[in-house]
C-alpha atoms as a PDB file:
ATOM      1  CA  MET A   1     116.381   4.232 -26.628  1.00  0.00           C
ATOM      2  CA  ARG A   2     114.815   5.346 -23.192  1.00  0.00           C
ATOM      3  CA  SER A   3     117.177   5.383 -19.948  1.00  0.00           C
ATOM      4  CA  PRO A   4     117.289   2.471 -17.620  1.00  0.00           C
ATOM      5  CA  ALA A   5     114.742   3.968 -15.118  1.00  0.00           C
ATOM      6  CA  GLU A   6     112.430   4.704 -18.092  1.00  0.00           C
ATOM      7  CA  LEU A   7     112.680   0.868 -19.500  1.00  0.00           C
ATOM      8  CA  THR A   8     112.269  -0.156 -16.150  1.00  0.00           C
ATOM      9  CA  THR A   9     108.556   1.468 -15.517  1.00  0.00           C
ATOM     10  CA  ALA A  10     107.867   1.026 -18.998  1.00  0.00           C
ATOM     11  CA  PHE A  11     108.756  -3.069 -18.354  1.00  0.00           C
ATOM     12  CA  ARG A  12     106.080  -2.842 -15.071  1.00  0.00           C
ATOM     13  CA  ALA A  13     103.619  -0.998 -17.019  1.00  0.00           C
ATOM     14  CA  GLN A  14     103.434  -3.974 -19.006  1.00  0.00           C
ATOM     15  CA  GLY A  15     103.110  -5.886 -15.992  1.00  0.00           C
ATOM     16  CA  TRP A  16     106.889  -7.614 -16.716  1.00  0.00           C
ATOM     17  CA  LYS A  17     108.757  -8.574 -13.962  1.00  0.00           C
ATOM     18  CA  VAL A  18     112.020  -6.222 -13.680  1.00  0.00           C
ATOM     19  CA  THR A  19     114.553  -8.267 -12.580  1.00  0.00           C
ATOM     20  CA  PRO A  20     118.249  -7.447 -12.047  1.00  0.00           C
ATOM     21  CA  GLN A  21     119.386  -9.492 -15.149  1.00  0.00           C
ATOM     22  CA  ARG A  22     116.854  -7.270 -17.081  1.00  0.00           C
ATOM     23  CA  GLN A  23     118.149  -4.356 -15.371  1.00  0.00           C
ATOM     24  CA  LEU A  24     121.823  -5.018 -16.044  1.00  0.00           C
ATOM     25  CA  LEU A  25     120.778  -5.653 -19.928  1.00  0.00           C
ATOM     26  CA  PHE A  26     119.196  -2.049 -20.300  1.00  0.00           C
ATOM     27  CA  ARG A  27     122.701  -0.586 -18.740  1.00  0.00           C
ATOM     28  CA  LEU A  28     124.590  -2.482 -21.199  1.00  0.00           C
ATOM     29  CA  LEU A  29     122.473  -1.470 -23.759  1.00  0.00           C
ATOM     30  CA  HIS A  30     121.841   2.380 -23.391  1.00  0.00           C
ATOM     31  CA  GLY A  31     124.228   4.607 -25.424  1.00  0.00           C
ATOM     32  CA  ASN A  32     125.601   1.007 -26.617  1.00  0.00           C
ATOM     33  CA  HIS A  33     126.931   1.734 -30.663  1.00  0.00           C
ATOM     34  CA  THR A  34     128.261  -1.411 -31.115  1.00  0.00           C
ATOM     35  CA  HIS A  35     125.002  -2.956 -32.790  1.00  0.00           C
ATOM     36  CA  PRO A  36     125.764  -6.535 -30.549  1.00  0.00           C
ATOM     37  CA  SER A  37     124.250  -9.566 -30.933  1.00  0.00           C
ATOM     38  CA  ALA A  38     122.122 -11.492 -28.233  1.00  0.00           C
ATOM     39  CA  GLU A  39     125.426 -13.812 -28.099  1.00  0.00           C
ATOM     40  CA  ALA A  40     127.708 -10.905 -27.309  1.00  0.00           C
ATOM     41  CA  LEU A  41     125.347  -9.043 -25.090  1.00  0.00           C
ATOM     42  CA  TYR A  42     125.275 -12.418 -23.082  1.00  0.00           C
ATOM     43  CA  LEU A  43     128.930 -12.746 -22.665  1.00  0.00           C
ATOM     44  CA  VAL A  44     129.260  -9.043 -21.248  1.00  0.00           C
ATOM     45  CA  ALA A  45     126.412  -9.579 -19.103  1.00  0.00           C
ATOM     46  CA  SER A  46     127.724 -13.150 -17.819  1.00  0.00           C
ATOM     47  CA  ALA A  47     131.090 -11.752 -17.092  1.00  0.00           C
ATOM     48  CA  GLN A  48     129.272  -9.278 -14.864  1.00  0.00           C
ATOM     49  CA  MET A  49     126.388 -11.217 -13.506  1.00  0.00           C
ATOM     50  CA  PRO A  50     127.419 -15.209 -13.284  1.00  0.00           C
ATOM     51  CA  GLY A  51     124.477 -17.324 -14.028  1.00  0.00           C
ATOM     52  CA  ILE A  52     122.344 -14.813 -16.169  1.00  0.00           C
ATOM     53  CA  SER A  53     120.991 -16.638 -18.987  1.00  0.00           C
ATOM     54  CA  LEU A  54     121.198 -16.548 -22.588  1.00  0.00           C
ATOM     55  CA  ARG A  55     117.320 -17.334 -22.672  1.00  0.00           C
ATOM     56  CA  THR A  56     117.094 -14.263 -20.698  1.00  0.00           C
ATOM     57  CA  VAL A  57     118.733 -12.066 -23.216  1.00  0.00           C
ATOM     58  CA  TYR A  58     117.002 -13.218 -25.948  1.00  0.00           C
ATOM     59  CA  GLN A  59     113.483 -13.081 -24.019  1.00  0.00           C
ATOM     60  CA  THR A  60     114.578  -9.423 -22.983  1.00  0.00           C
ATOM     61  CA  LEU A  61     115.733  -8.194 -26.443  1.00  0.00           C
ATOM     62  CA  ASN A  62     112.699  -9.744 -27.806  1.00  0.00           C
ATOM     63  CA  ASP A  63     110.646  -7.749 -25.451  1.00  0.00           C
ATOM     64  CA  LEU A  64     112.425  -4.205 -26.033  1.00  0.00           C
ATOM     65  CA  ALA A  65     112.134  -4.792 -29.871  1.00  0.00           C
ATOM     66  CA  ALA A  66     108.117  -5.464 -29.805  1.00  0.00           C
ATOM     67  CA  MET A  67     108.173  -2.343 -27.337  1.00  0.00           C
ATOM     68  CA  GLY A  68     110.003  -0.444 -30.259  1.00  0.00           C
ATOM     69  CA  GLU A  69     113.044   0.545 -28.192  1.00  0.00           C
ATOM     70  CA  LEU A  70     115.382  -1.456 -30.355  1.00  0.00           C
ATOM     71  CA  GLN A  71     115.768  -2.245 -33.935  1.00  0.00           C
ATOM     72  CA  GLN A  72     116.594  -5.908 -35.015  1.00  0.00           C
ATOM     73  CA  LEU A  73     119.048  -6.078 -38.038  1.00  0.00           C
ATOM     74  CA  SER A  74     119.448  -9.136 -40.306  1.00  0.00           C
ATOM     75  CA  ILE A  75     122.400  -7.749 -41.846  1.00  0.00           C
ATOM     76  CA  GLY A  76     123.733 -10.912 -43.655  1.00  0.00           C
ATOM     77  CA  ALA A  77     125.668 -13.868 -42.201  1.00  0.00           C
ATOM     78  CA  GLY A  78     125.752 -14.492 -38.565  1.00  0.00           C
ATOM     79  CA  SER A  79     123.363 -13.638 -35.852  1.00  0.00           C
ATOM     80  CA  ALA A  80     121.157 -11.041 -35.699  1.00  0.00           C
ATOM     81  CA  ARG A  81     121.797  -7.698 -34.162  1.00  0.00           C
ATOM     82  CA  PHE A  82     120.022  -5.499 -32.145  1.00  0.00           C
ATOM     83  CA  ASP A  83     120.159  -1.524 -32.413  1.00  0.00           C
ATOM     84  CA  PRO A  84     119.323   1.043 -29.634  1.00  0.00           C
ATOM     85  CA  ASN A  85     119.214   4.031 -31.956  1.00  0.00           C
ATOM     86  CA  VAL A  86     115.737   3.650 -33.340  1.00  0.00           C
ATOM     87  CA  ASP A  87     115.854   7.119 -34.574  1.00  0.00           C
ATOM     88  CA  ASP A  88     115.571   6.974 -38.897  1.00  0.00           C
ATOM     89  CA  HIS A  89     119.418   5.976 -40.436  1.00  0.00           C
ATOM     90  CA  HIS A  90     120.911   3.386 -41.970  1.00  0.00           C
ATOM     91  CA  HIS A  91     124.172   1.181 -41.643  1.00  0.00           C
ATOM     92  CA  VAL A  92     127.689   0.041 -42.949  1.00  0.00           C
ATOM     93  CA  VAL A  93     128.719  -3.119 -42.286  1.00  0.00           C
ATOM     94  CA  CYS A  94     132.692  -4.211 -42.870  1.00  0.00           C
ATOM     95  CA  ARG A  95     132.940  -7.509 -44.490  1.00  0.00           C
ATOM     96  CA  SER A  96     136.202  -8.481 -42.615  1.00  0.00           C
ATOM     97  CA  CYS A  97     135.746  -7.699 -38.905  1.00  0.00           C
ATOM     98  CA  GLY A  98     131.791  -7.164 -39.146  1.00  0.00           C
ATOM     99  CA  ASP A  99     131.659  -4.079 -37.074  1.00  0.00           C
ATOM    100  CA  VAL A 100     128.316  -2.102 -37.542  1.00  0.00           C
ATOM    101  CA  ARG A 101     128.019   1.406 -37.627  1.00  0.00           C
ATOM    102  CA  ASP A 102     125.022   4.167 -37.870  1.00  0.00           C
ATOM    103  CA  VAL A 103     124.906   5.988 -40.808  1.00  0.00           C
ATOM    104  CA  TYR A 104     122.654   8.732 -42.218  1.00  0.00           C
ATOM    105  CA  VAL A 105     121.386   8.955 -45.926  1.00  0.00           C
ATOM    106  CA  LEU A 106     120.090  12.570 -47.232  1.00  0.00           C
ATOM    107  CA  ALA A 107     116.639  11.812 -48.981  1.00  0.00           C
ATOM    108  CA  ALA A 108     116.298   8.166 -48.173  1.00  0.00           C
ATOM    109  CA  ALA A 109     112.942   8.955 -46.872  1.00  0.00           C
ATOM    110  CA  GLN A 110     111.730   9.221 -50.516  1.00  0.00           C
ATOM    111  CA  PRO A 111     114.540   7.745 -52.551  1.00  0.00           C
ATOM    112  CA  VAL A 112     113.856   7.646 -56.778  1.00  0.00           C
ATOM    113  CA  LEU A 113     113.308   4.083 -57.386  1.00  0.00           C
ATOM    114  CA  ASP A 114     112.675   2.521 -60.640  1.00  0.00           C
ATOM    115  CA  GLY A 115     110.774  -1.013 -61.351  1.00  0.00           C
ATOM    116  CA  LEU A 116     108.679  -1.044 -58.127  1.00  0.00           C
ATOM    117  CA  ASP A 117     105.270  -1.666 -60.587  1.00  0.00           C
ATOM    118  CA  GLY A 118     103.116  -0.613 -57.966  1.00  0.00           C
ATOM    119  CA  PHE A 119     104.552  -2.080 -54.916  1.00  0.00           C
ATOM    120  CA  GLN A 120     103.823   0.172 -51.885  1.00  0.00           C
ATOM    121  CA  VAL A 121     107.264   1.315 -50.165  1.00  0.00           C
ATOM    122  CA  GLU A 122     106.653   1.582 -46.047  1.00  0.00           C
ATOM    123  CA  SER A 123     110.119   1.348 -44.932  1.00  0.00           C
ATOM    124  CA  THR A 124     113.627   2.104 -46.197  1.00  0.00           C
ATOM    125  CA  SER A 125     116.617  -0.124 -44.984  1.00  0.00           C
ATOM    126  CA  ILE A 126     120.069   0.856 -46.849  1.00  0.00           C
ATOM    127  CA  VAL A 127     123.093  -1.701 -45.691  1.00  0.00           C
ATOM    128  CA  LEU A 128     126.275  -0.615 -47.230  1.00  0.00           C
ATOM    129  CA  GLY A 129     128.675  -3.130 -47.356  1.00  0.00           C
ATOM    130  CA  GLY A 130     132.650  -3.047 -47.657  1.00  0.00           C
ATOM    131  CA  LEU A 131     135.556  -2.433 -45.551  1.00  0.00           C
ATOM    132  CA  CYS A 132     136.142  -0.394 -42.189  1.00  0.00           C
ATOM    133  CA  ALA A 133     138.942   2.075 -42.022  1.00  0.00           C
ATOM    134  CA  PRO A 134     140.944  -0.262 -39.858  1.00  0.00           C
ATOM    135  CA  CYS A 135     140.469  -3.344 -42.181  1.00  0.00           C
ATOM    136  CA  ALA A 136     140.832  -1.238 -45.738  1.00  0.00           C
ATOM    137  CA  SER A 137     144.444  -0.327 -44.137  1.00  0.00           C
ATOM    138  CA  ARG A 138     145.737  -3.720 -43.238  1.00  0.00           C
ATOM    139  CA  PRO A 139     147.529  -5.551 -46.228  1.00  0.00           C
ATOM    140  CA  ASP A 140     145.449  -8.174 -47.760  1.00  0.00           C
ATOM    141  CA  PRO A 141     146.710 -11.656 -47.066  1.00  0.00           C
ATOM    142  CA  SER A 142     145.066 -12.753 -50.017  1.00  0.00           C
ATOM    143  CA  ALA A 143     146.924 -11.066 -52.517  1.00  0.00           C
ATOM    144  CA  ASN A 144     148.616 -12.905 -54.806  1.00  0.00           C
ATOM    145  CA  HIS A 145     152.036 -11.015 -55.117  1.00  0.00           C
ATOM    146  CA  GLN A 146     153.220 -12.233 -58.303  1.00  0.00           C
ATOM    147  CA  GLY A 147     156.673 -10.587 -59.555  1.00  0.00           C
ATOM    148  CA  ASP A 148     157.779  -9.809 -56.337  1.00  0.00           C
END
């Protein structure tokens, strides 16, 4: 994702207003590796700028995604997440805490696939599910401890 100053210029070039709320969102997203949902971004933004609306957050995220500055991720249950990293990459998702991280899969652009039956692949998105290291190291509260 481009810098906040570059995004300001790009928005103005589109004829869109660049408000203090949008500038705050540009700053919060730049270099953000947490893949925030609109609601999570709204909570952070509203702590810094009371009165910002959730609608403004959604509109700005949608505008940035339309410009190719963000990837919108639908990775299972919950709200869509937004990724400022628009490089070719994939994701791991923790089923316990919901953490989403970028991963790079070698040869993902040309995977060997079986069963396409003439389907023309235009993009590849790999989402690996499991447990992140902190969640995997916690004892499983649902484990049955028979015989203890």
